[in-house]
Amino acid sequence: MKSLSLIEILVVLGGIGFFLSGSYFAFNILLNANQNLSQKATAMYLASEAAEIVRNIRDTNNLQNAPFDANIPEGKDLIPVKNGETWKLVDVSSDISRKRVYFKEGEGFSQFDDSPPSGWKETEFSREIEIKKERKPVTNEVYLIKIKVTVKYGKFQKIYASIEDDLYKWQWTG
């Protein structure tokens, strides 16, 4: 019966160690990629939601026979805030920390005009809406609202999602 030499044992242990360390690093890379995808998906959700809130305000204006751009202020540092059953856009240019997004289990994500109510936890996300209105040359009537929503994430607030959309004036004839 032949026994293994010390060199053969070291080669086998080195091979096993190389395999285990490679597996560990591959697992870490996949875990980080999965976490990054989850954050990007959340950022896209927050951006889509903000654009949809602006559309909702425009549609509510139409149903109430108000000008289609009423309650949609022009500005760069706007956040959506729930006001009872409706939404309003609040300018937070004087305090950019109010761009932070909060989360509460069972309630989801939200932003607040003032301090968040108890139970809401600050996330690493921030969200802002930029609104520009285009007007007809002669009548100065607004015919187009340009929306840009930006969601940032992390300590350095890196842009994770950005959505741009154009809202045109339309009338319900039904």
N, C-alpha and C. Protein backbone atom coordinates (compact mmCIF):
# COMPACT_ATOMS: atom_id res chain seq x y z
N MET A 1 0.84 -1.16 0.00
CA MET A 1 0.00 0.00 0.00
C MET A 1 0.89 1.24 0.00
N LYS A 2 0.55 2.17 -0.90
CA LYS A 2 1.36 3.36 -1.06
C LYS A 2 0.69 4.51 -0.30
N SER A 3 1.45 5.27 0.45
CA SER A 3 0.91 6.41 1.19
C SER A 3 1.18 7.70 0.40
N LEU A 4 0.43 8.73 0.70
CA LEU A 4 0.57 10.01 0.02
C LEU A 4 1.73 10.79 0.62
N SER A 5 2.48 11.42 -0.23
CA SER A 5 3.58 12.24 0.26
C SER A 5 3.04 13.59 0.72
N LEU A 6 3.84 14.33 1.43
CA LEU A 6 3.47 15.64 1.95
C LEU A 6 3.16 16.60 0.80
N ILE A 7 3.89 16.53 -0.28
CA ILE A 7 3.67 17.42 -1.43
C ILE A 7 2.32 17.12 -2.06
N GLU A 8 1.97 15.85 -2.21
CA GLU A 8 0.68 15.48 -2.80
C GLU A 8 -0.47 15.99 -1.92
N ILE A 9 -0.33 15.88 -0.62
CA ILE A 9 -1.37 16.37 0.30
C ILE A 9 -1.51 17.89 0.17
N LEU A 10 -0.40 18.61 0.11
CA LEU A 10 -0.44 20.07 -0.02
C LEU A 10 -1.08 20.49 -1.35
N VAL A 11 -0.79 19.74 -2.44
CA VAL A 11 -1.38 20.06 -3.74
C VAL A 11 -2.90 19.87 -3.68
N VAL A 12 -3.36 18.77 -3.06
CA VAL A 12 -4.80 18.51 -2.94
C VAL A 12 -5.46 19.59 -2.08
N LEU A 13 -4.85 19.93 -0.94
CA LEU A 13 -5.42 20.96 -0.07
C LEU A 13 -5.43 22.32 -0.77
N GLY A 14 -4.39 22.62 -1.54
CA GLY A 14 -4.36 23.87 -2.31
C GLY A 14 -5.48 23.91 -3.33
N GLY A 15 -5.72 22.80 -4.01
CA GLY A 15 -6.81 22.73 -5.00
C GLY A 15 -8.17 22.93 -4.34
N ILE A 16 -8.37 22.29 -3.19
CA ILE A 16 -9.64 22.44 -2.46
C ILE A 16 -9.80 23.90 -2.00
N GLY A 17 -8.72 24.47 -1.46
CA GLY A 17 -8.76 25.87 -1.02
C GLY A 17 -9.05 26.82 -2.16
N PHE A 18 -8.43 26.57 -3.31
CA PHE A 18 -8.66 27.41 -4.49
C PHE A 18 -10.12 27.32 -4.92
N PHE A 19 -10.69 26.12 -4.93
CA PHE A 19 -12.09 25.92 -5.30
C PHE A 19 -13.02 26.62 -4.31
N LEU A 20 -12.76 26.47 -3.01
CA LEU A 20 -13.63 27.08 -2.00
C LEU A 20 -13.56 28.61 -2.04
N SER A 21 -12.37 29.17 -2.21
CA SER A 21 -12.27 30.63 -2.26
C SER A 21 -12.93 31.17 -3.53
N GLY A 22 -12.79 30.47 -4.65
CA GLY A 22 -13.47 30.88 -5.88
C GLY A 22 -14.98 30.83 -5.72
N SER A 23 -15.47 29.79 -5.06
CA SER A 23 -16.91 29.67 -4.82
C SER A 23 -17.41 30.80 -3.92
N TYR A 24 -16.63 31.14 -2.90
CA TYR A 24 -17.00 32.21 -1.98
C TYR A 24 -17.10 33.54 -2.72
N PHE A 25 -16.10 33.87 -3.54
CA PHE A 25 -16.11 35.13 -4.27
C PHE A 25 -17.23 35.17 -5.31
N ALA A 26 -17.49 34.06 -5.97
CA ALA A 26 -18.59 34.00 -6.94
C ALA A 26 -19.93 34.22 -6.24
N PHE A 27 -20.11 33.60 -5.07
CA PHE A 27 -21.34 33.77 -4.30
C PHE A 27 -21.50 35.23 -3.87
N ASN A 28 -20.42 35.86 -3.43
CA ASN A 28 -20.47 37.27 -3.03
C ASN A 28 -20.85 38.17 -4.20
N ILE A 29 -20.29 37.92 -5.37
CA ILE A 29 -20.62 38.71 -6.55
C ILE A 29 -22.09 38.56 -6.89
N LEU A 30 -22.61 37.34 -6.87
CA LEU A 30 -24.02 37.11 -7.17
C LEU A 30 -24.93 37.75 -6.12
N LEU A 31 -24.54 37.70 -4.87
CA LEU A 31 -25.33 38.30 -3.80
C LEU A 31 -25.39 39.82 -3.96
N ASN A 32 -24.25 40.45 -4.26
CA ASN A 32 -24.23 41.89 -4.47
C ASN A 32 -25.03 42.29 -5.71
N ALA A 33 -24.94 41.50 -6.77
CA ALA A 33 -25.70 41.79 -7.99
C ALA A 33 -27.19 41.70 -7.72
N ASN A 34 -27.60 40.72 -6.92
CA ASN A 34 -29.01 40.55 -6.58
C ASN A 34 -29.51 41.75 -5.76
N GLN A 35 -28.72 42.19 -4.80
CA GLN A 35 -29.09 43.34 -3.98
C GLN A 35 -29.17 44.60 -4.84
N ASN A 36 -28.22 44.78 -5.74
CA ASN A 36 -28.20 45.93 -6.63
C ASN A 36 -29.44 45.95 -7.53
N LEU A 37 -29.83 44.78 -8.05
CA LEU A 37 -31.03 44.69 -8.89
C LEU A 37 -32.28 45.04 -8.10
N SER A 38 -32.35 44.61 -6.86
CA SER A 38 -33.49 44.93 -6.00
C SER A 38 -33.59 46.44 -5.78
N GLN A 39 -32.46 47.10 -5.54
CA GLN A 39 -32.46 48.55 -5.34
C GLN A 39 -32.86 49.28 -6.62
N LYS A 40 -32.37 48.80 -7.76
CA LYS A 40 -32.73 49.44 -9.04
C LYS A 40 -34.22 49.25 -9.35
N ALA A 41 -34.75 48.08 -9.03
CA ALA A 41 -36.18 47.84 -9.26
C ALA A 41 -37.03 48.76 -8.38
N THR A 42 -36.62 48.93 -7.13
CA THR A 42 -37.33 49.85 -6.23
C THR A 42 -37.24 51.28 -6.75
N ALA A 43 -36.07 51.68 -7.23
CA ALA A 43 -35.89 53.02 -7.78
C ALA A 43 -36.80 53.23 -9.00
N MET A 44 -36.89 52.25 -9.88
CA MET A 44 -37.76 52.36 -11.05
C MET A 44 -39.23 52.46 -10.63
N TYR A 45 -39.60 51.69 -9.60
CA TYR A 45 -40.97 51.78 -9.08
C TYR A 45 -41.26 53.19 -8.58
N LEU A 46 -40.34 53.75 -7.78
CA LEU A 46 -40.54 55.10 -7.23
C LEU A 46 -40.62 56.15 -8.33
N ALA A 47 -39.81 56.02 -9.37
CA ALA A 47 -39.84 56.97 -10.48
C ALA A 47 -41.16 56.85 -11.25
N SER A 48 -41.57 55.63 -11.54
CA SER A 48 -42.84 55.41 -12.26
C SER A 48 -44.02 55.94 -11.46
N GLU A 49 -43.99 55.69 -10.15
CA GLU A 49 -45.08 56.16 -9.30
C GLU A 49 -45.19 57.68 -9.33
N ALA A 50 -44.06 58.37 -9.26
CA ALA A 50 -44.08 59.84 -9.27
C ALA A 50 -44.65 60.37 -10.59
N ALA A 51 -44.23 59.79 -11.71
CA ALA A 51 -44.77 60.21 -13.01
C ALA A 51 -46.27 59.96 -13.07
N GLU A 52 -46.70 58.85 -12.54
CA GLU A 52 -48.13 58.51 -12.53
C GLU A 52 -48.92 59.47 -11.63
N ILE A 53 -48.31 59.94 -10.55
CA ILE A 53 -48.98 60.91 -9.67
C ILE A 53 -49.22 62.22 -10.42
N VAL A 54 -48.24 62.67 -11.20
CA VAL A 54 -48.43 63.90 -11.98
C VAL A 54 -49.53 63.70 -13.01
N ARG A 55 -49.56 62.53 -13.66
CA ARG A 55 -50.64 62.23 -14.62
C ARG A 55 -52.00 62.25 -13.90
N ASN A 56 -52.04 61.71 -12.69
CA ASN A 56 -53.27 61.67 -11.91
C ASN A 56 -53.76 63.08 -11.60
N ILE A 57 -52.85 63.98 -11.25
CA ILE A 57 -53.23 65.37 -10.98
C ILE A 57 -53.81 66.00 -12.25
N ARG A 58 -53.14 65.78 -13.38
CA ARG A 58 -53.64 66.31 -14.65
C ARG A 58 -55.04 65.78 -14.97
N ASP A 59 -55.25 64.47 -14.78
CA ASP A 59 -56.55 63.86 -15.08
C ASP A 59 -57.63 64.36 -14.13
N THR A 60 -57.28 64.54 -12.86
CA THR A 60 -58.23 65.08 -11.88
C THR A 60 -58.64 66.50 -12.27
N ASN A 61 -57.67 67.29 -12.74
CA ASN A 61 -57.99 68.64 -13.21
C ASN A 61 -59.03 68.58 -14.32
N ASN A 62 -58.86 67.66 -15.24
CA ASN A 62 -59.80 67.53 -16.36
C ASN A 62 -61.19 67.16 -15.88
N LEU A 63 -61.26 66.22 -14.94
CA LEU A 63 -62.57 65.79 -14.43
C LEU A 63 -63.27 66.91 -13.65
N GLN A 64 -62.49 67.82 -13.09
CA GLN A 64 -63.07 68.93 -12.32
C GLN A 64 -63.19 70.21 -13.15
N ASN A 65 -63.01 70.07 -14.47
CA ASN A 65 -63.08 71.21 -15.40
C ASN A 65 -62.14 72.34 -15.02
N ALA A 66 -61.00 72.00 -14.46
CA ALA A 66 -59.97 72.99 -14.14
C ALA A 66 -58.96 73.01 -15.28
N PRO A 67 -58.14 74.04 -15.38
CA PRO A 67 -57.08 74.03 -16.39
C PRO A 67 -56.20 72.79 -16.21
N PHE A 68 -55.77 72.22 -17.33
CA PHE A 68 -55.09 70.93 -17.22
C PHE A 68 -53.78 71.01 -16.45
N ASP A 69 -53.19 72.19 -16.34
CA ASP A 69 -51.93 72.31 -15.60
C ASP A 69 -52.12 72.88 -14.19
N ALA A 70 -53.37 73.02 -13.73
CA ALA A 70 -53.61 73.50 -12.37
C ALA A 70 -53.02 72.51 -11.37
N ASN A 71 -52.52 73.02 -10.27
CA ASN A 71 -51.93 72.20 -9.20
C ASN A 71 -50.68 71.45 -9.63
N ILE A 72 -50.11 71.85 -10.76
CA ILE A 72 -48.85 71.26 -11.23
C ILE A 72 -47.86 72.42 -11.39
N PRO A 73 -47.15 72.76 -10.33
CA PRO A 73 -46.24 73.91 -10.40
C PRO A 73 -44.98 73.60 -11.20
N GLU A 74 -44.44 74.63 -11.83
CA GLU A 74 -43.14 74.46 -12.48
C GLU A 74 -42.08 74.48 -11.40
N GLY A 75 -41.04 73.69 -11.58
CA GLY A 75 -39.96 73.69 -10.61
C GLY A 75 -39.08 72.48 -10.77
N LYS A 76 -37.96 72.51 -10.08
CA LYS A 76 -36.99 71.43 -10.18
C LYS A 76 -37.01 70.51 -8.97
N ASP A 77 -37.29 71.03 -7.80
CA ASP A 77 -37.19 70.26 -6.56
C ASP A 77 -38.57 69.99 -5.98
N LEU A 78 -39.40 69.25 -6.73
CA LEU A 78 -40.75 68.95 -6.29
C LEU A 78 -40.83 67.51 -5.77
N ILE A 79 -41.67 67.30 -4.76
CA ILE A 79 -41.92 65.94 -4.27
C ILE A 79 -43.44 65.72 -4.24
N PRO A 80 -43.88 64.48 -4.45
CA PRO A 80 -45.32 64.20 -4.34
C PRO A 80 -45.70 63.91 -2.89
N VAL A 81 -46.75 64.56 -2.42
CA VAL A 81 -47.22 64.37 -1.05
C VAL A 81 -48.71 64.07 -1.09
N LYS A 82 -49.11 63.02 -0.38
CA LYS A 82 -50.53 62.65 -0.32
C LYS A 82 -51.26 63.64 0.58
N ASN A 83 -52.37 64.17 0.07
CA ASN A 83 -53.16 65.15 0.80
C ASN A 83 -54.58 64.61 0.89
N GLY A 84 -54.84 63.78 1.89
CA GLY A 84 -56.13 63.09 1.98
C GLY A 84 -56.22 62.04 0.89
N GLU A 85 -57.17 62.20 -0.01
CA GLU A 85 -57.33 61.27 -1.12
C GLU A 85 -56.66 61.76 -2.40
N THR A 86 -56.13 62.97 -2.37
CA THR A 86 -55.50 63.52 -3.57
C THR A 86 -54.01 63.74 -3.32
N TRP A 87 -53.32 64.10 -4.39
CA TRP A 87 -51.88 64.35 -4.33
C TRP A 87 -51.61 65.82 -4.58
N LYS A 88 -50.52 66.32 -4.01
CA LYS A 88 -50.04 67.66 -4.33
C LYS A 88 -48.53 67.58 -4.53
N LEU A 89 -48.02 68.53 -5.30
CA LEU A 89 -46.57 68.62 -5.53
C LEU A 89 -46.04 69.76 -4.69
N VAL A 90 -45.04 69.47 -3.87
CA VAL A 90 -44.49 70.44 -2.93
C VAL A 90 -43.06 70.78 -3.33
N ASP A 91 -42.76 72.08 -3.36
CA ASP A 91 -41.41 72.54 -3.67
C ASP A 91 -40.55 72.44 -2.40
N VAL A 92 -39.47 71.66 -2.49
CA VAL A 92 -38.59 71.48 -1.33
C VAL A 92 -37.18 72.01 -1.60
N SER A 93 -37.09 72.98 -2.51
CA SER A 93 -35.77 73.50 -2.87
C SER A 93 -35.06 74.15 -1.69
N SER A 94 -35.81 74.60 -0.70
CA SER A 94 -35.19 75.23 0.46
C SER A 94 -34.63 74.19 1.45
N ASP A 95 -35.04 72.94 1.33
CA ASP A 95 -34.58 71.90 2.26
C ASP A 95 -34.53 70.57 1.51
N ILE A 96 -33.40 70.29 0.86
CA ILE A 96 -33.31 69.10 0.02
C ILE A 96 -33.38 67.80 0.80
N SER A 97 -33.21 67.86 2.13
CA SER A 97 -33.34 66.63 2.93
C SER A 97 -34.77 66.10 2.87
N ARG A 98 -35.73 66.95 2.50
CA ARG A 98 -37.13 66.52 2.40
C ARG A 98 -37.38 65.68 1.16
N LYS A 99 -36.37 65.50 0.31
CA LYS A 99 -36.50 64.63 -0.86
C LYS A 99 -36.42 63.16 -0.46
N ARG A 100 -36.05 62.89 0.78
CA ARG A 100 -35.91 61.51 1.25
C ARG A 100 -37.23 60.76 1.16
N VAL A 101 -37.11 59.48 0.87
CA VAL A 101 -38.27 58.60 0.78
C VAL A 101 -38.31 57.75 2.05
N TYR A 102 -39.51 57.58 2.60
CA TYR A 102 -39.70 56.80 3.83
C TYR A 102 -40.49 55.54 3.52
N PHE A 103 -40.35 54.55 4.40
CA PHE A 103 -41.04 53.27 4.21
C PHE A 103 -41.70 52.85 5.51
N LYS A 104 -42.90 52.29 5.38
CA LYS A 104 -43.60 51.71 6.53
C LYS A 104 -44.24 50.42 6.07
N GLU A 105 -44.01 49.36 6.82
CA GLU A 105 -44.58 48.05 6.50
C GLU A 105 -46.10 48.15 6.42
N GLY A 106 -46.67 47.64 5.36
CA GLY A 106 -48.12 47.69 5.16
C GLY A 106 -48.60 48.97 4.48
N GLU A 107 -47.76 50.00 4.45
CA GLU A 107 -48.12 51.27 3.83
C GLU A 107 -47.34 51.52 2.55
N GLY A 108 -46.09 51.01 2.49
CA GLY A 108 -45.26 51.22 1.31
C GLY A 108 -44.33 52.41 1.48
N PHE A 109 -44.03 53.06 0.36
CA PHE A 109 -43.11 54.20 0.33
C PHE A 109 -43.91 55.50 0.32
N SER A 110 -43.32 56.57 0.87
CA SER A 110 -43.97 57.87 0.85
C SER A 110 -42.97 58.97 1.12
N GLN A 111 -43.36 60.19 0.76
CA GLN A 111 -42.60 61.39 1.10
C GLN A 111 -43.55 62.33 1.83
N PHE A 112 -42.98 63.20 2.67
CA PHE A 112 -43.82 64.03 3.52
C PHE A 112 -43.43 65.50 3.43
N ASP A 113 -44.45 66.36 3.55
CA ASP A 113 -44.26 67.79 3.52
C ASP A 113 -43.51 68.24 4.79
N ASP A 114 -43.83 67.63 5.90
CA ASP A 114 -43.18 67.91 7.18
C ASP A 114 -42.44 66.67 7.64
N SER A 115 -42.20 66.56 8.91
CA SER A 115 -41.57 65.36 9.46
C SER A 115 -42.50 64.17 9.27
N PRO A 116 -41.94 62.98 9.03
CA PRO A 116 -42.80 61.81 8.84
C PRO A 116 -43.48 61.41 10.15
N PRO A 117 -44.70 60.88 10.07
CA PRO A 117 -45.37 60.38 11.27
C PRO A 117 -44.58 59.23 11.88
N SER A 118 -44.88 58.90 13.12
CA SER A 118 -44.15 57.81 13.78
C SER A 118 -44.38 56.50 13.04
N GLY A 119 -43.37 55.66 13.06
CA GLY A 119 -43.45 54.36 12.41
C GLY A 119 -42.86 54.33 11.01
N TRP A 120 -42.63 55.49 10.42
CA TRP A 120 -42.04 55.56 9.08
C TRP A 120 -40.54 55.59 9.22
N LYS A 121 -39.85 54.75 8.45
CA LYS A 121 -38.39 54.66 8.51
C LYS A 121 -37.78 55.29 7.27
N GLU A 122 -36.73 56.09 7.47
CA GLU A 122 -36.03 56.71 6.36
C GLU A 122 -35.29 55.65 5.56
N THR A 123 -35.38 55.73 4.24
CA THR A 123 -34.63 54.81 3.38
C THR A 123 -33.42 55.56 2.82
N GLU A 124 -32.64 54.88 2.01
CA GLU A 124 -31.51 55.54 1.35
C GLU A 124 -31.91 56.12 -0.01
N PHE A 125 -33.21 56.09 -0.32
CA PHE A 125 -33.70 56.64 -1.57
C PHE A 125 -34.10 58.10 -1.39
N SER A 126 -33.92 58.89 -2.44
CA SER A 126 -34.49 60.23 -2.52
C SER A 126 -35.12 60.35 -3.91
N ARG A 127 -36.16 61.20 -3.99
CA ARG A 127 -36.89 61.33 -5.25
C ARG A 127 -37.24 62.80 -5.47
N GLU A 128 -37.09 63.23 -6.70
CA GLU A 128 -37.46 64.60 -7.05
C GLU A 128 -38.11 64.62 -8.42
N ILE A 129 -39.00 65.59 -8.59
CA ILE A 129 -39.70 65.76 -9.86
C ILE A 129 -39.34 67.14 -10.39
N GLU A 130 -39.05 67.19 -11.67
CA GLU A 130 -38.83 68.47 -12.35
C GLU A 130 -39.94 68.66 -13.36
N ILE A 131 -40.59 69.82 -13.31
CA ILE A 131 -41.70 70.13 -14.21
C ILE A 131 -41.35 71.37 -15.02
N LYS A 132 -41.50 71.27 -16.33
CA LYS A 132 -41.36 72.43 -17.23
C LYS A 132 -42.63 72.50 -18.07
N LYS A 133 -43.14 73.71 -18.23
CA LYS A 133 -44.35 73.90 -19.03
C LYS A 133 -43.99 74.64 -20.31
N GLU A 134 -44.55 74.16 -21.41
CA GLU A 134 -44.35 74.84 -22.69
C GLU A 134 -45.66 75.51 -23.06
N ARG A 135 -45.53 76.74 -23.56
CA ARG A 135 -46.69 77.56 -23.86
C ARG A 135 -46.77 77.90 -25.35
N LYS A 136 -48.01 78.15 -25.81
CA LYS A 136 -48.21 78.61 -27.19
C LYS A 136 -47.69 80.04 -27.30
N PRO A 137 -47.06 80.38 -28.41
CA PRO A 137 -46.43 81.70 -28.54
C PRO A 137 -47.38 82.89 -28.39
N VAL A 138 -48.55 82.85 -29.00
CA VAL A 138 -49.42 84.02 -29.01
C VAL A 138 -50.29 84.09 -27.75
N THR A 139 -50.93 82.98 -27.42
CA THR A 139 -51.89 82.98 -26.30
C THR A 139 -51.23 82.72 -24.94
N ASN A 140 -50.00 82.24 -24.93
CA ASN A 140 -49.29 81.90 -23.70
C ASN A 140 -49.97 80.76 -22.93
N GLU A 141 -50.86 80.04 -23.61
CA GLU A 141 -51.57 78.92 -22.99
C GLU A 141 -50.63 77.71 -22.92
N VAL A 142 -50.65 77.03 -21.77
CA VAL A 142 -49.83 75.84 -21.60
C VAL A 142 -50.43 74.71 -22.43
N TYR A 143 -49.61 74.08 -23.27
CA TYR A 143 -50.09 72.96 -24.07
C TYR A 143 -49.31 71.67 -23.79
N LEU A 144 -48.20 71.80 -23.05
CA LEU A 144 -47.35 70.63 -22.79
C LEU A 144 -46.69 70.77 -21.43
N ILE A 145 -46.70 69.67 -20.68
CA ILE A 145 -45.99 69.61 -19.40
C ILE A 145 -44.92 68.54 -19.54
N LYS A 146 -43.67 68.94 -19.35
CA LYS A 146 -42.55 68.00 -19.40
C LYS A 146 -42.21 67.58 -17.98
N ILE A 147 -42.17 66.27 -17.77
CA ILE A 147 -41.88 65.71 -16.45
C ILE A 147 -40.54 65.00 -16.50
N LYS A 148 -39.74 65.21 -15.49
CA LYS A 148 -38.52 64.41 -15.31
C LYS A 148 -38.46 64.01 -13.84
N VAL A 149 -38.45 62.70 -13.61
CA VAL A 149 -38.37 62.17 -12.25
C VAL A 149 -37.00 61.51 -12.08
N THR A 150 -36.33 61.85 -11.00
CA THR A 150 -35.01 61.28 -10.71
C THR A 150 -35.06 60.64 -9.33
N VAL A 151 -34.60 59.39 -9.25
CA VAL A 151 -34.50 58.69 -7.97
C VAL A 151 -33.03 58.37 -7.74
N LYS A 152 -32.56 58.75 -6.56
CA LYS A 152 -31.16 58.51 -6.19
C LYS A 152 -31.13 57.54 -5.01
N TYR A 153 -29.95 56.89 -4.85
CA TYR A 153 -29.84 55.89 -3.80
C TYR A 153 -28.44 55.94 -3.17
N GLY A 154 -28.39 55.66 -1.90
CA GLY A 154 -27.12 55.45 -1.22
C GLY A 154 -26.55 56.69 -0.56
N LYS A 155 -25.44 56.47 0.08
CA LYS A 155 -24.76 57.52 0.82
C LYS A 155 -24.37 58.68 -0.08
N PHE A 156 -23.94 58.38 -1.30
CA PHE A 156 -23.49 59.42 -2.22
C PHE A 156 -24.58 59.83 -3.21
N GLN A 157 -25.81 59.32 -3.00
CA GLN A 157 -26.97 59.68 -3.81
C GLN A 157 -26.71 59.54 -5.31
N LYS A 158 -26.28 58.36 -5.69
CA LYS A 158 -26.06 58.03 -7.10
C LYS A 158 -27.42 57.85 -7.78
N ILE A 159 -27.55 58.36 -9.02
CA ILE A 159 -28.81 58.22 -9.74
C ILE A 159 -29.04 56.74 -10.09
N TYR A 160 -30.17 56.21 -9.65
CA TYR A 160 -30.51 54.82 -9.91
C TYR A 160 -31.62 54.69 -10.95
N ALA A 161 -32.45 55.73 -11.09
CA ALA A 161 -33.54 55.67 -12.06
C ALA A 161 -33.91 57.09 -12.47
N SER A 162 -34.29 57.24 -13.72
CA SER A 162 -34.73 58.53 -14.23
C SER A 162 -35.77 58.27 -15.31
N ILE A 163 -36.88 58.97 -15.23
CA ILE A 163 -37.96 58.83 -16.20
C ILE A 163 -38.34 60.22 -16.71
N GLU A 164 -38.54 60.33 -18.02
CA GLU A 164 -39.03 61.58 -18.59
C GLU A 164 -40.31 61.28 -19.36
N ASP A 165 -41.26 62.20 -19.29
CA ASP A 165 -42.54 62.01 -19.96
C ASP A 165 -43.10 63.37 -20.37
N ASP A 166 -43.90 63.38 -21.41
CA ASP A 166 -44.58 64.59 -21.86
C ASP A 166 -46.08 64.40 -21.67
N LEU A 167 -46.72 65.38 -21.02
CA LEU A 167 -48.17 65.35 -20.84
C LEU A 167 -48.78 66.46 -21.68
N TYR A 168 -49.68 66.06 -22.54
CA TYR A 168 -50.34 67.03 -23.41
C TYR A 168 -51.74 67.33 -22.87
N LYS A 169 -52.23 68.49 -23.26
CA LYS A 169 -53.59 68.86 -22.90
C LYS A 169 -54.54 67.98 -23.70
N TRP A 170 -55.50 67.39 -23.02
CA TRP A 170 -56.50 66.59 -23.69
C TRP A 170 -57.83 66.81 -22.99
N GLN A 171 -58.90 66.55 -23.68
CA GLN A 171 -60.23 66.72 -23.11
C GLN A 171 -61.01 65.43 -23.25
N TRP A 172 -61.70 65.10 -22.19
CA TRP A 172 -62.59 63.95 -22.21
C TRP A 172 -63.89 64.38 -22.87
N THR A 173 -64.29 63.64 -23.90
CA THR A 173 -65.51 64.02 -24.63
C THR A 173 -66.61 63.01 -24.42
N GLY A 174 -66.43 62.07 -23.48
CA GLY A 174 -67.40 61.00 -23.27
C GLY A 174 -68.58 61.46 -22.58
